[in-house]
Amino acid sequence: MTSILQTVYAPPLEREYEAWIVAAIEQYFLQTNRRFAIWAVSPEYEVAWPADEYLFADSKLVGLQFKQAKLANYTNPGFNRLYWVLHQPLGQFELIQRTPEIFYCLPTFINRNFRAVALDHCLFWRPDDRINKNLWYDNRNSRSPYNNIKTADRWGSFLESVLACSIGKRVKSQKEAASYVRTLYNKARNLQQQRADQQQNDLLQHDPQQADSGFYLLAIEL
């Protein structure tokens, strides 16, 4: 049995993964003495700009959408059974496909005893133009085109690509950064309205605790 995939008490909730990984990102930047800001984006609240003008004189913005790690069989864990589901909320997957600055942050551990090293056990991944909302760490038997994403970026290579300006949205002023954040908030509100409309029309049930959670913006000074 692989210890990193063992269940301790219960599988972590999405919001637990968020808290552990965000704390680890903050600690990383504090230790490396690079100015940054990371904050949750929610359509429930007005835009709040948490960073000062100097931070955004020349910076990169990257969106991170956290997802809960799951196992197809918790009694017999293995990396071929590790997966993530991207179905909710309505429209989120398609929005991320169209927005190259947003990445899924996918934890690769189930054992909550690994929370102190959570950032070391995450994949940073984007979908291509194929529509399939089931991801597998390494399951070649799955019909999903995303059935083997274990080679996606880890934190070190992901951050190096950001700093090399290969990925992320470069902004050169506070005004430009604030405009981009406002655009993302508006997109989040549109998704919320789409979901509300579909709930009315189709009586589709959604988890209110999960639907709008897990989306963060990370700003890094270059």
C-alpha atoms as a PDB file:
ATOM      1  CA  MET A   1       0.000   0.000   0.000  1.00  0.00           C
ATOM      2  CA  THR A   2       1.363   3.423  -0.950  1.00  0.00           C
ATOM      3  CA  SER A   3       1.417   5.536   2.226  1.00  0.00           C
ATOM      4  CA  ILE A   4       0.874   8.852   0.436  1.00  0.00           C
ATOM      5  CA  LEU A   5      -2.478   7.518  -0.764  1.00  0.00           C
ATOM      6  CA  GLN A   6      -3.588   6.014   2.537  1.00  0.00           C
ATOM      7  CA  THR A   7      -6.658   7.517   4.176  1.00  0.00           C
ATOM      8  CA  VAL A   8      -5.996   8.952   7.625  1.00  0.00           C
ATOM      9  CA  TYR A   9      -9.290   9.649   9.440  1.00  0.00           C
ATOM     10  CA  ALA A  10     -10.949  10.719   6.164  1.00  0.00           C
ATOM     11  CA  PRO A  11      -9.916  11.914   2.685  1.00  0.00           C
ATOM     12  CA  PRO A  12      -9.105  15.653   2.699  1.00  0.00           C
ATOM     13  CA  LEU A  13     -11.798  18.041   1.539  1.00  0.00           C
ATOM     14  CA  GLU A  14     -11.097  20.472  -1.269  1.00  0.00           C
ATOM     15  CA  ARG A  15     -10.972  23.390   1.126  1.00  0.00           C
ATOM     16  CA  GLU A  16      -8.365  21.570   3.236  1.00  0.00           C
ATOM     17  CA  TYR A  17      -6.149  21.104   0.196  1.00  0.00           C
ATOM     18  CA  GLU A  18      -6.588  24.799  -0.587  1.00  0.00           C
ATOM     19  CA  ALA A  19      -5.504  25.858   2.890  1.00  0.00           C
ATOM     20  CA  TRP A  20      -2.442  23.590   2.987  1.00  0.00           C
ATOM     21  CA  ILE A  21      -1.196  24.483  -0.486  1.00  0.00           C
ATOM     22  CA  VAL A  22      -1.818  28.230  -0.197  1.00  0.00           C
ATOM     23  CA  ALA A  23       0.053  28.267   3.130  1.00  0.00           C
ATOM     24  CA  ALA A  24       2.947  26.414   1.477  1.00  0.00           C
ATOM     25  CA  ILE A  25       3.057  28.893  -1.430  1.00  0.00           C
ATOM     26  CA  GLU A  26       3.134  31.796   1.016  1.00  0.00           C
ATOM     27  CA  GLN A  27       5.945  30.162   2.984  1.00  0.00           C
ATOM     28  CA  TYR A  28       7.928  29.533  -0.198  1.00  0.00           C
ATOM     29  CA  PHE A  29       7.872  33.181  -1.224  1.00  0.00           C
ATOM     30  CA  LEU A  30       8.618  34.406   2.286  1.00  0.00           C
ATOM     31  CA  GLN A  31      11.678  32.161   2.370  1.00  0.00           C
ATOM     32  CA  THR A  32      12.874  33.252  -1.063  1.00  0.00           C
ATOM     33  CA  ASN A  33      12.269  36.947  -0.307  1.00  0.00           C
ATOM     34  CA  ARG A  34      10.177  37.582  -3.420  1.00  0.00           C
ATOM     35  CA  ARG A  35       7.172  39.891  -3.190  1.00  0.00           C
ATOM     36  CA  PHE A  36       3.853  38.231  -3.939  1.00  0.00           C
ATOM     37  CA  ALA A  37       0.150  38.178  -3.203  1.00  0.00           C
ATOM     38  CA  ILE A  38      -2.280  35.270  -3.286  1.00  0.00           C
ATOM     39  CA  TRP A  39      -5.998  35.581  -2.653  1.00  0.00           C
ATOM     40  CA  ALA A  40      -9.281  33.810  -3.298  1.00  0.00           C
ATOM     41  CA  VAL A  41     -11.565  34.979  -6.111  1.00  0.00           C
ATOM     42  CA  SER A  42     -15.275  34.607  -5.497  1.00  0.00           C
ATOM     43  CA  PRO A  43     -18.296  36.078  -7.308  1.00  0.00           C
ATOM     44  CA  GLU A  44     -19.972  36.439  -3.905  1.00  0.00           C
ATOM     45  CA  TYR A  45     -17.843  39.463  -3.008  1.00  0.00           C
ATOM     46  CA  GLU A  46     -16.811  42.702  -4.612  1.00  0.00           C
ATOM     47  CA  VAL A  47     -13.331  42.942  -6.050  1.00  0.00           C
ATOM     48  CA  ALA A  48     -10.751  43.554  -3.344  1.00  0.00           C
ATOM     49  CA  TRP A  49      -7.242  44.522  -4.439  1.00  0.00           C
ATOM     50  CA  PRO A  50      -4.816  43.200  -1.825  1.00  0.00           C
ATOM     51  CA  ALA A  51      -1.492  44.361  -3.204  1.00  0.00           C
ATOM     52  CA  ASP A  52       0.229  47.718  -3.409  1.00  0.00           C
ATOM     53  CA  GLU A  53       1.259  49.675  -6.480  1.00  0.00           C
ATOM     54  CA  TYR A  54       4.934  48.811  -6.241  1.00  0.00           C
ATOM     55  CA  LEU A  55       4.333  45.077  -6.324  1.00  0.00           C
ATOM     56  CA  PHE A  56       2.667  45.410  -9.714  1.00  0.00           C
ATOM     57  CA  ALA A  57       5.174  47.669 -11.409  1.00  0.00           C
ATOM     58  CA  ASP A  58       6.203  44.553 -13.346  1.00  0.00           C
ATOM     59  CA  SER A  59       4.559  41.300 -12.273  1.00  0.00           C
ATOM     60  CA  LYS A  60       2.950  38.059 -13.411  1.00  0.00           C
ATOM     61  CA  LEU A  61      -0.602  36.987 -12.585  1.00  0.00           C
ATOM     62  CA  VAL A  62      -1.534  33.316 -12.592  1.00  0.00           C
ATOM     63  CA  GLY A  63      -4.876  31.766 -11.706  1.00  0.00           C
ATOM     64  CA  LEU A  64      -4.958  28.542  -9.670  1.00  0.00           C
ATOM     65  CA  GLN A  65      -8.072  26.383  -9.566  1.00  0.00           C
ATOM     66  CA  PHE A  66      -7.767  23.772  -6.817  1.00  0.00           C
ATOM     67  CA  LYS A  67      -9.419  20.371  -7.113  1.00  0.00           C
ATOM     68  CA  GLN A  68      -9.837  17.562  -4.611  1.00  0.00           C
ATOM     69  CA  ALA A  69      -7.832  14.383  -5.155  1.00  0.00           C
ATOM     70  CA  LYS A  70      -9.940  11.216  -5.254  1.00  0.00           C
ATOM     71  CA  LEU A  71      -9.342   7.476  -5.431  1.00  0.00           C
ATOM     72  CA  ALA A  72     -11.406   5.049  -7.471  1.00  0.00           C
ATOM     73  CA  ASN A  73     -10.832   2.480  -4.713  1.00  0.00           C
ATOM     74  CA  TYR A  74      -9.936   3.671  -1.226  1.00  0.00           C
ATOM     75  CA  THR A  75      -9.473   0.165   0.156  1.00  0.00           C
ATOM     76  CA  ASN A  76      -6.828  -0.675  -2.432  1.00  0.00           C
ATOM     77  CA  PRO A  77      -5.087   2.633  -3.209  1.00  0.00           C
ATOM     78  CA  GLY A  78      -2.698   3.060  -6.094  1.00  0.00           C
ATOM     79  CA  PHE A  79      -1.620   5.853  -8.421  1.00  0.00           C
ATOM     80  CA  ASN A  80      -3.538   4.189 -11.256  1.00  0.00           C
ATOM     81  CA  ARG A  81      -6.689   4.893  -9.197  1.00  0.00           C
ATOM     82  CA  LEU A  82      -5.882   8.548  -8.434  1.00  0.00           C
ATOM     83  CA  TYR A  83      -8.101  11.017 -10.284  1.00  0.00           C
ATOM     84  CA  TRP A  84      -9.760  14.451 -10.244  1.00  0.00           C
ATOM     85  CA  VAL A  85     -13.228  15.494 -11.432  1.00  0.00           C
ATOM     86  CA  LEU A  86     -13.692  18.837 -13.214  1.00  0.00           C
ATOM     87  CA  HIS A  87     -17.462  18.850 -13.844  1.00  0.00           C
ATOM     88  CA  GLN A  88     -18.449  21.553 -11.360  1.00  0.00           C
ATOM     89  CA  PRO A  89     -19.268  24.357 -11.429  1.00  0.00           C
ATOM     90  CA  LEU A  90     -20.988  24.618 -14.794  1.00  0.00           C
ATOM     91  CA  GLY A  91     -18.768  26.247 -17.418  1.00  0.00           C
ATOM     92  CA  GLN A  92     -15.613  26.351 -15.320  1.00  0.00           C
ATOM     93  CA  PHE A  93     -13.697  23.809 -17.409  1.00  0.00           C
ATOM     94  CA  GLU A  94     -14.475  25.653 -20.660  1.00  0.00           C
ATOM     95  CA  LEU A  95     -13.497  28.979 -19.086  1.00  0.00           C
ATOM     96  CA  ILE A  96     -10.123  27.582 -18.068  1.00  0.00           C
ATOM     97  CA  GLN A  97      -9.619  26.181 -21.565  1.00  0.00           C
ATOM     98  CA  ARG A  98     -10.121  29.703 -22.952  1.00  0.00           C
ATOM     99  CA  THR A  99      -7.981  31.451 -20.331  1.00  0.00           C
ATOM    100  CA  PRO A 100      -4.306  30.462 -20.656  1.00  0.00           C
ATOM    101  CA  GLU A 101      -3.326  32.157 -17.389  1.00  0.00           C
ATOM    102  CA  ILE A 102      -5.424  29.751 -15.282  1.00  0.00           C
ATOM    103  CA  PHE A 103      -4.066  26.377 -14.211  1.00  0.00           C
ATOM    104  CA  TYR A 104      -5.590  23.529 -12.270  1.00  0.00           C
ATOM    105  CA  CYS A 105      -3.695  22.782  -9.067  1.00  0.00           C
ATOM    106  CA  LEU A 106      -4.112  19.050  -8.475  1.00  0.00           C
ATOM    107  CA  PRO A 107      -2.900  17.483  -5.220  1.00  0.00           C
ATOM    108  CA  THR A 108      -1.465  14.000  -5.653  1.00  0.00           C
ATOM    109  CA  PHE A 109      -1.839  12.820  -2.060  1.00  0.00           C
ATOM    110  CA  ILE A 110      -4.698  11.503   0.057  1.00  0.00           C
ATOM    111  CA  ASN A 111      -2.840  11.014   3.328  1.00  0.00           C
ATOM    112  CA  ARG A 112      -3.380  14.181   5.371  1.00  0.00           C
ATOM    113  CA  ASN A 113      -0.116  13.545   7.204  1.00  0.00           C
ATOM    114  CA  PHE A 114       1.571  14.878   4.046  1.00  0.00           C
ATOM    115  CA  ARG A 115      -0.053  18.302   4.461  1.00  0.00           C
ATOM    116  CA  ALA A 116       3.231  19.918   5.591  1.00  0.00           C
ATOM    117  CA  VAL A 117       4.757  19.064   2.198  1.00  0.00           C
ATOM    118  CA  ALA A 118       1.566  19.607   0.193  1.00  0.00           C
ATOM    119  CA  LEU A 119       3.213  21.866  -2.390  1.00  0.00           C
ATOM    120  CA  ASP A 120       5.699  19.136  -3.285  1.00  0.00           C
ATOM    121  CA  HIS A 121       2.836  16.814  -4.173  1.00  0.00           C
ATOM    122  CA  CYS A 122       0.822  18.899  -6.636  1.00  0.00           C
ATOM    123  CA  LEU A 123       0.471  19.001 -10.395  1.00  0.00           C
ATOM    124  CA  PHE A 124      -0.063  22.279 -12.267  1.00  0.00           C
ATOM    125  CA  TRP A 125      -1.999  21.374 -15.383  1.00  0.00           C
ATOM    126  CA  ARG A 126      -4.072  22.874 -18.192  1.00  0.00           C
ATOM    127  CA  PRO A 127      -6.471  21.089 -20.559  1.00  0.00           C
ATOM    128  CA  ASP A 128      -6.030  21.246 -24.310  1.00  0.00           C
ATOM    129  CA  ASP A 129      -8.978  21.705 -26.682  1.00  0.00           C
ATOM    130  CA  ARG A 130     -10.511  18.285 -25.916  1.00  0.00           C
ATOM    131  CA  ILE A 131     -13.647  18.209 -23.766  1.00  0.00           C
ATOM    132  CA  ASN A 132     -13.310  15.612 -21.038  1.00  0.00           C
ATOM    133  CA  LYS A 133     -13.653  16.394 -17.364  1.00  0.00           C
ATOM    134  CA  ASN A 134     -12.121  13.296 -15.795  1.00  0.00           C
ATOM    135  CA  LEU A 135      -8.375  13.343 -15.141  1.00  0.00           C
ATOM    136  CA  TRP A 136      -6.235  10.399 -14.122  1.00  0.00           C
ATOM    137  CA  TYR A 137      -2.742  10.401 -12.680  1.00  0.00           C
ATOM    138  CA  ASP A 138      -1.825   7.241 -14.613  1.00  0.00           C
ATOM    139  CA  ASN A 139      -4.658   5.034 -15.850  1.00  0.00           C
ATOM    140  CA  ARG A 140      -4.171   3.999 -19.469  1.00  0.00           C
ATOM    141  CA  ASN A 141      -7.398   1.974 -19.322  1.00  0.00           C
ATOM    142  CA  SER A 142      -9.502   5.111 -18.962  1.00  0.00           C
ATOM    143  CA  ARG A 143     -11.197   6.433 -22.099  1.00  0.00           C
ATOM    144  CA  SER A 144     -10.419   9.976 -21.075  1.00  0.00           C
ATOM    145  CA  PRO A 145      -7.739  11.624 -23.231  1.00  0.00           C
ATOM    146  CA  TYR A 146      -6.391  12.953 -19.931  1.00  0.00           C
ATOM    147  CA  ASN A 147      -5.601   9.525 -18.507  1.00  0.00           C
ATOM    148  CA  ASN A 148      -1.892  10.070 -17.803  1.00  0.00           C
ATOM    149  CA  ILE A 149      -1.101  13.564 -16.515  1.00  0.00           C
ATOM    150  CA  LYS A 150       1.598  12.589 -14.027  1.00  0.00           C
ATOM    151  CA  THR A 151       4.243  14.387 -16.099  1.00  0.00           C
ATOM    152  CA  ALA A 152       2.547  17.797 -15.665  1.00  0.00           C
ATOM    153  CA  ASP A 153       4.594  20.548 -14.016  1.00  0.00           C
ATOM    154  CA  ARG A 154       5.440  20.376 -10.341  1.00  0.00           C
ATOM    155  CA  TRP A 155       5.892  23.555  -8.308  1.00  0.00           C
ATOM    156  CA  GLY A 156       9.547  24.158  -9.195  1.00  0.00           C
ATOM    157  CA  SER A 157       9.171  23.843 -12.961  1.00  0.00           C
ATOM    158  CA  PHE A 158       5.836  25.669 -12.879  1.00  0.00           C
ATOM    159  CA  LEU A 159       7.305  28.664 -11.055  1.00  0.00           C
ATOM    160  CA  GLU A 160      10.366  28.714 -13.317  1.00  0.00           C
ATOM    161  CA  SER A 161       8.063  28.962 -16.334  1.00  0.00           C
ATOM    162  CA  VAL A 162       6.180  31.831 -14.703  1.00  0.00           C
ATOM    163  CA  LEU A 163       9.367  33.751 -13.929  1.00  0.00           C
ATOM    164  CA  ALA A 164      10.697  33.082 -17.438  1.00  0.00           C
ATOM    165  CA  CYS A 165       7.469  34.633 -18.782  1.00  0.00           C
ATOM    166  CA  SER A 166       6.488  31.421 -20.572  1.00  0.00           C
ATOM    167  CA  ILE A 167       3.154  31.276 -18.728  1.00  0.00           C
ATOM    168  CA  GLY A 168       0.975  33.691 -16.805  1.00  0.00           C
ATOM    169  CA  LYS A 169      -0.310  37.185 -17.553  1.00  0.00           C
ATOM    170  CA  ARG A 170       2.360  39.881 -17.429  1.00  0.00           C
ATOM    171  CA  VAL A 171       1.167  43.232 -16.106  1.00  0.00           C
ATOM    172  CA  LYS A 172       3.207  46.420 -15.970  1.00  0.00           C
ATOM    173  CA  SER A 173       1.015  48.672 -13.867  1.00  0.00           C
ATOM    174  CA  GLN A 174      -1.458  48.501 -11.017  1.00  0.00           C
ATOM    175  CA  LYS A 175      -4.174  49.735 -13.378  1.00  0.00           C
ATOM    176  CA  GLU A 176      -3.537  46.916 -15.846  1.00  0.00           C
ATOM    177  CA  ALA A 177      -3.487  44.335 -13.055  1.00  0.00           C
ATOM    178  CA  ALA A 178      -6.694  45.651 -11.495  1.00  0.00           C
ATOM    179  CA  SER A 179      -8.435  45.578 -14.885  1.00  0.00           C
ATOM    180  CA  TYR A 180      -7.455  41.948 -15.392  1.00  0.00           C
ATOM    181  CA  VAL A 181      -8.676  40.973 -11.916  1.00  0.00           C
ATOM    182  CA  ARG A 182     -11.991  42.728 -12.590  1.00  0.00           C
ATOM    183  CA  THR A 183     -12.367  40.706 -15.798  1.00  0.00           C
ATOM    184  CA  LEU A 184     -11.862  37.447 -13.908  1.00  0.00           C
ATOM    185  CA  TYR A 185     -14.400  38.445 -11.261  1.00  0.00           C
ATOM    186  CA  ASN A 186     -16.929  39.215 -13.976  1.00  0.00           C
ATOM    187  CA  LYS A 187     -16.323  35.835 -15.596  1.00  0.00           C
ATOM    188  CA  ALA A 188     -16.849  34.171 -12.220  1.00  0.00           C
ATOM    189  CA  ARG A 189     -20.158  36.012 -11.808  1.00  0.00           C
ATOM    190  CA  ASN A 190     -21.244  34.906 -15.287  1.00  0.00           C
ATOM    191  CA  LEU A 191     -20.509  31.297 -14.373  1.00  0.00           C
ATOM    192  CA  GLN A 192     -22.534  31.693 -11.212  1.00  0.00           C
ATOM    193  CA  GLN A 193     -25.498  32.996 -13.220  1.00  0.00           C
ATOM    194  CA  GLN A 194     -25.215  30.147 -15.741  1.00  0.00           C
ATOM    195  CA  ARG A 195     -25.300  27.650 -12.919  1.00  0.00           C
ATOM    196  CA  ALA A 196     -28.333  29.309 -11.350  1.00  0.00           C
ATOM    197  CA  ASP A 197     -30.154  29.239 -14.692  1.00  0.00           C
ATOM    198  CA  GLN A 198     -29.394  25.564 -15.238  1.00  0.00           C
ATOM    199  CA  GLN A 199     -30.517  24.698 -11.720  1.00  0.00           C
ATOM    200  CA  GLN A 200     -33.843  26.365 -12.470  1.00  0.00           C
ATOM    201  CA  ASN A 201     -34.297  24.708 -15.842  1.00  0.00           C
ATOM    202  CA  ASP A 202     -32.948  21.227 -15.156  1.00  0.00           C
ATOM    203  CA  LEU A 203     -33.205  20.910 -11.368  1.00  0.00           C
ATOM    204  CA  LEU A 204     -29.511  20.057 -11.460  1.00  0.00           C
ATOM    205  CA  GLN A 205     -28.063  19.601  -7.995  1.00  0.00           C
ATOM    206  CA  HIS A 206     -24.724  21.187  -7.107  1.00  0.00           C
ATOM    207  CA  ASP A 207     -22.655  21.143  -3.956  1.00  0.00           C
ATOM    208  CA  PRO A 208     -22.855  24.725  -2.625  1.00  0.00           C
ATOM    209  CA  GLN A 209     -19.706  24.212  -0.558  1.00  0.00           C
ATOM    210  CA  GLN A 210     -17.642  23.228  -3.598  1.00  0.00           C
ATOM    211  CA  ALA A 211     -19.122  25.160  -6.508  1.00  0.00           C
ATOM    212  CA  ASP A 212     -17.349  28.500  -6.103  1.00  0.00           C
ATOM    213  CA  SER A 213     -14.439  27.390  -3.985  1.00  0.00           C
ATOM    214  CA  GLY A 214     -10.877  26.792  -4.943  1.00  0.00           C
ATOM    215  CA  PHE A 215     -10.032  29.641  -7.347  1.00  0.00           C
ATOM    216  CA  TYR A 216      -7.089  31.846  -6.368  1.00  0.00           C
ATOM    217  CA  LEU A 217      -4.986  34.495  -8.051  1.00  0.00           C
ATOM    218  CA  LEU A 218      -1.237  34.511  -7.528  1.00  0.00           C
ATOM    219  CA  ALA A 219       0.728  37.681  -8.285  1.00  0.00           C
ATOM    220  CA  ILE A 220       4.522  37.493  -8.385  1.00  0.00           C
ATOM    221  CA  GLU A 221       6.853  40.444  -8.730  1.00  0.00           C
ATOM    222  CA  LEU A 222       9.393  39.935 -11.518  1.00  0.00           C
END
